[in-house]
Amino acid sequence: MGMFNIAMSIAPTVAGDIDLKGKKRLLDLGGGPGTYAIHYCLANPQLAATIFDLPTTRPFAEKTVARFN
């Protein structure tokens, strides 16, 4: 969850700075707990993200995604 804590201070700004209007899908390779994918989706409600990482990160990603709906 260290990656999550660091990304939480950066991801909201980055997600707001990148224009994804009209985009429907996002693939987050090496997405860890999904922090960036979550914030891109929050900033772009039409967006659906797939988070891809090692199997050991899946429980953390599922918990994080559920936390942000």
N, C-alpha and C. Protein backbone atom coordinates (compact mmCIF):
# COMPACT_ATOMS: atom_id res chain seq x y z
N MET A 1 0.81 -1.20 0.00
CA MET A 1 0.00 0.00 0.00
C MET A 1 0.86 1.27 0.00
N GLY A 2 2.19 1.11 0.06
CA GLY A 2 3.06 2.27 -0.04
C GLY A 2 2.87 2.99 -1.37
N MET A 3 2.69 2.21 -2.45
CA MET A 3 2.45 2.81 -3.76
C MET A 3 1.16 3.62 -3.73
N PHE A 4 0.16 3.11 -3.06
CA PHE A 4 -1.13 3.80 -2.96
C PHE A 4 -0.94 5.15 -2.27
N ASN A 5 -0.26 5.14 -1.13
CA ASN A 5 -0.08 6.38 -0.36
C ASN A 5 0.67 7.43 -1.15
N ILE A 6 1.70 7.05 -1.86
CA ILE A 6 2.45 8.00 -2.68
C ILE A 6 1.59 8.52 -3.83
N ALA A 7 0.92 7.61 -4.51
CA ALA A 7 0.11 8.00 -5.68
C ALA A 7 -1.08 8.87 -5.30
N MET A 8 -1.60 8.73 -4.09
CA MET A 8 -2.75 9.53 -3.68
C MET A 8 -2.44 11.02 -3.69
N SER A 9 -1.19 11.40 -3.54
CA SER A 9 -0.85 12.82 -3.58
C SER A 9 -0.61 13.33 -4.99
N ILE A 10 -0.45 12.41 -5.94
CA ILE A 10 -0.13 12.78 -7.32
C ILE A 10 -1.28 12.49 -8.29
N ALA A 11 -1.91 11.35 -8.15
CA ALA A 11 -2.90 10.87 -9.14
C ALA A 11 -4.05 11.84 -9.40
N PRO A 12 -4.64 12.47 -8.38
CA PRO A 12 -5.75 13.38 -8.69
C PRO A 12 -5.35 14.52 -9.62
N THR A 13 -4.16 15.05 -9.45
CA THR A 13 -3.68 16.13 -10.31
C THR A 13 -3.41 15.63 -11.72
N VAL A 14 -2.70 14.52 -11.82
CA VAL A 14 -2.37 13.96 -13.13
C VAL A 14 -3.65 13.62 -13.89
N ALA A 15 -4.60 13.01 -13.21
CA ALA A 15 -5.86 12.61 -13.86
C ALA A 15 -6.61 13.82 -14.40
N GLY A 16 -6.53 14.93 -13.70
CA GLY A 16 -7.20 16.14 -14.16
C GLY A 16 -6.46 16.85 -15.28
N ASP A 17 -5.17 16.58 -15.40
CA ASP A 17 -4.36 17.25 -16.43
C ASP A 17 -4.38 16.55 -17.78
N ILE A 18 -4.81 15.30 -17.82
CA ILE A 18 -4.80 14.55 -19.07
C ILE A 18 -6.23 14.45 -19.59
N ASP A 19 -6.45 14.90 -20.80
CA ASP A 19 -7.78 14.91 -21.39
C ASP A 19 -8.13 13.52 -21.95
N LEU A 20 -9.07 12.87 -21.32
CA LEU A 20 -9.54 11.57 -21.79
C LEU A 20 -11.00 11.62 -22.23
N LYS A 21 -11.50 12.81 -22.52
CA LYS A 21 -12.88 12.94 -22.99
C LYS A 21 -13.06 12.12 -24.27
N GLY A 22 -14.14 11.39 -24.32
CA GLY A 22 -14.42 10.57 -25.49
C GLY A 22 -13.78 9.19 -25.43
N LYS A 23 -12.90 8.99 -24.49
CA LYS A 23 -12.28 7.67 -24.33
C LYS A 23 -13.16 6.82 -23.42
N LYS A 24 -13.23 5.53 -23.74
CA LYS A 24 -14.12 4.65 -22.97
C LYS A 24 -13.38 3.60 -22.16
N ARG A 25 -12.15 3.26 -22.56
CA ARG A 25 -11.40 2.19 -21.90
C ARG A 25 -10.00 2.66 -21.54
N LEU A 26 -9.52 2.15 -20.40
CA LEU A 26 -8.17 2.45 -19.94
C LEU A 26 -7.55 1.14 -19.46
N LEU A 27 -6.33 0.86 -19.91
CA LEU A 27 -5.58 -0.29 -19.44
C LEU A 27 -4.43 0.23 -18.59
N ASP A 28 -4.44 -0.13 -17.33
CA ASP A 28 -3.41 0.30 -16.39
C ASP A 28 -2.45 -0.86 -16.17
N LEU A 29 -1.38 -0.89 -16.94
CA LEU A 29 -0.38 -1.95 -16.82
C LEU A 29 0.54 -1.68 -15.63
N GLY A 30 0.70 -2.67 -14.79
CA GLY A 30 1.50 -2.48 -13.58
C GLY A 30 0.79 -1.55 -12.62
N GLY A 31 -0.52 -1.66 -12.59
CA GLY A 31 -1.38 -0.73 -11.86
C GLY A 31 -1.36 -0.83 -10.35
N GLY A 32 -0.72 -1.86 -9.81
CA GLY A 32 -0.65 -1.99 -8.35
C GLY A 32 -2.03 -1.96 -7.72
N PRO A 33 -2.25 -1.08 -6.74
CA PRO A 33 -3.55 -1.02 -6.09
C PRO A 33 -4.61 -0.27 -6.89
N GLY A 34 -4.26 0.24 -8.06
CA GLY A 34 -5.26 0.87 -8.93
C GLY A 34 -5.48 2.34 -8.71
N THR A 35 -4.60 2.98 -7.99
CA THR A 35 -4.80 4.39 -7.63
C THR A 35 -4.97 5.30 -8.84
N TYR A 36 -4.11 5.15 -9.82
CA TYR A 36 -4.21 6.01 -11.01
C TYR A 36 -5.47 5.68 -11.81
N ALA A 37 -5.76 4.42 -12.00
CA ALA A 37 -6.97 4.03 -12.73
C ALA A 37 -8.21 4.60 -12.05
N ILE A 38 -8.24 4.54 -10.74
CA ILE A 38 -9.38 5.08 -9.98
C ILE A 38 -9.53 6.56 -10.25
N HIS A 39 -8.46 7.30 -10.17
CA HIS A 39 -8.56 8.76 -10.34
C HIS A 39 -8.86 9.15 -11.78
N TYR A 40 -8.35 8.40 -12.76
CA TYR A 40 -8.75 8.66 -14.14
C TYR A 40 -10.24 8.43 -14.32
N CYS A 41 -10.77 7.39 -13.71
CA CYS A 41 -12.21 7.10 -13.82
C CYS A 41 -13.05 8.12 -13.07
N LEU A 42 -12.58 8.58 -11.91
CA LEU A 42 -13.31 9.62 -11.19
C LEU A 42 -13.37 10.91 -11.99
N ALA A 43 -12.29 11.23 -12.68
CA ALA A 43 -12.24 12.45 -13.49
C ALA A 43 -12.96 12.31 -14.82
N ASN A 44 -13.20 11.06 -15.24
CA ASN A 44 -13.84 10.77 -16.54
C ASN A 44 -14.88 9.67 -16.34
N PRO A 45 -16.09 10.02 -15.92
CA PRO A 45 -17.10 9.02 -15.57
C PRO A 45 -17.45 8.02 -16.67
N GLN A 46 -17.18 8.35 -17.92
CA GLN A 46 -17.48 7.44 -19.03
C GLN A 46 -16.42 6.35 -19.17
N LEU A 47 -15.34 6.46 -18.45
CA LEU A 47 -14.18 5.59 -18.59
C LEU A 47 -14.33 4.32 -17.73
N ALA A 48 -13.97 3.19 -18.31
CA ALA A 48 -13.88 1.92 -17.58
C ALA A 48 -12.42 1.48 -17.63
N ALA A 49 -11.87 1.09 -16.49
CA ALA A 49 -10.45 0.74 -16.42
C ALA A 49 -10.26 -0.73 -16.10
N THR A 50 -9.21 -1.29 -16.67
CA THR A 50 -8.73 -2.62 -16.32
C THR A 50 -7.35 -2.45 -15.72
N ILE A 51 -7.17 -2.99 -14.52
CA ILE A 51 -5.89 -2.90 -13.83
C ILE A 51 -5.19 -4.25 -13.98
N PHE A 52 -3.96 -4.22 -14.50
CA PHE A 52 -3.20 -5.44 -14.72
C PHE A 52 -1.89 -5.36 -13.94
N ASP A 53 -1.66 -6.37 -13.10
CA ASP A 53 -0.43 -6.42 -12.32
C ASP A 53 -0.21 -7.87 -11.88
N LEU A 54 0.76 -8.08 -11.05
CA LEU A 54 1.05 -9.42 -10.53
C LEU A 54 -0.13 -9.91 -9.67
N PRO A 55 -0.34 -11.23 -9.64
CA PRO A 55 -1.46 -11.77 -8.88
C PRO A 55 -1.45 -11.38 -7.39
N THR A 56 -0.29 -11.18 -6.83
CA THR A 56 -0.22 -10.83 -5.41
C THR A 56 -0.78 -9.44 -5.10
N THR A 57 -0.89 -8.59 -6.11
CA THR A 57 -1.44 -7.24 -5.88
C THR A 57 -2.96 -7.20 -6.00
N ARG A 58 -3.55 -8.26 -6.52
CA ARG A 58 -5.00 -8.26 -6.77
C ARG A 58 -5.84 -7.94 -5.52
N PRO A 59 -5.57 -8.57 -4.37
CA PRO A 59 -6.39 -8.24 -3.20
C PRO A 59 -6.35 -6.75 -2.84
N PHE A 60 -5.18 -6.13 -3.00
CA PHE A 60 -5.06 -4.71 -2.69
C PHE A 60 -5.84 -3.87 -3.70
N ALA A 61 -5.75 -4.23 -4.97
CA ALA A 61 -6.49 -3.50 -6.01
C ALA A 61 -7.99 -3.63 -5.79
N GLU A 62 -8.46 -4.82 -5.50
CA GLU A 62 -9.90 -5.02 -5.28
C GLU A 62 -10.39 -4.20 -4.09
N LYS A 63 -9.61 -4.17 -3.03
CA LYS A 63 -9.98 -3.39 -1.84
C LYS A 63 -10.02 -1.90 -2.15
N THR A 64 -9.01 -1.43 -2.88
CA THR A 64 -8.92 -0.01 -3.21
C THR A 64 -10.04 0.41 -4.16
N VAL A 65 -10.29 -0.37 -5.18
CA VAL A 65 -11.36 -0.06 -6.13
C VAL A 65 -12.71 -0.03 -5.41
N ALA A 66 -12.97 -0.99 -4.54
CA ALA A 66 -14.23 -1.03 -3.80
C ALA A 66 -14.38 0.22 -2.92
N ARG A 67 -13.29 0.66 -2.36
CA ARG A 67 -13.31 1.84 -1.48
C ARG A 67 -13.76 3.10 -2.23
N PHE A 68 -13.42 3.19 -3.51
CA PHE A 68 -13.76 4.36 -4.30
C PHE A 68 -14.97 4.12 -5.22
N ASN A 69 -15.61 2.96 -5.09
CA ASN A 69 -16.76 2.60 -5.92
C ASN A 69 -16.41 2.57 -7.38
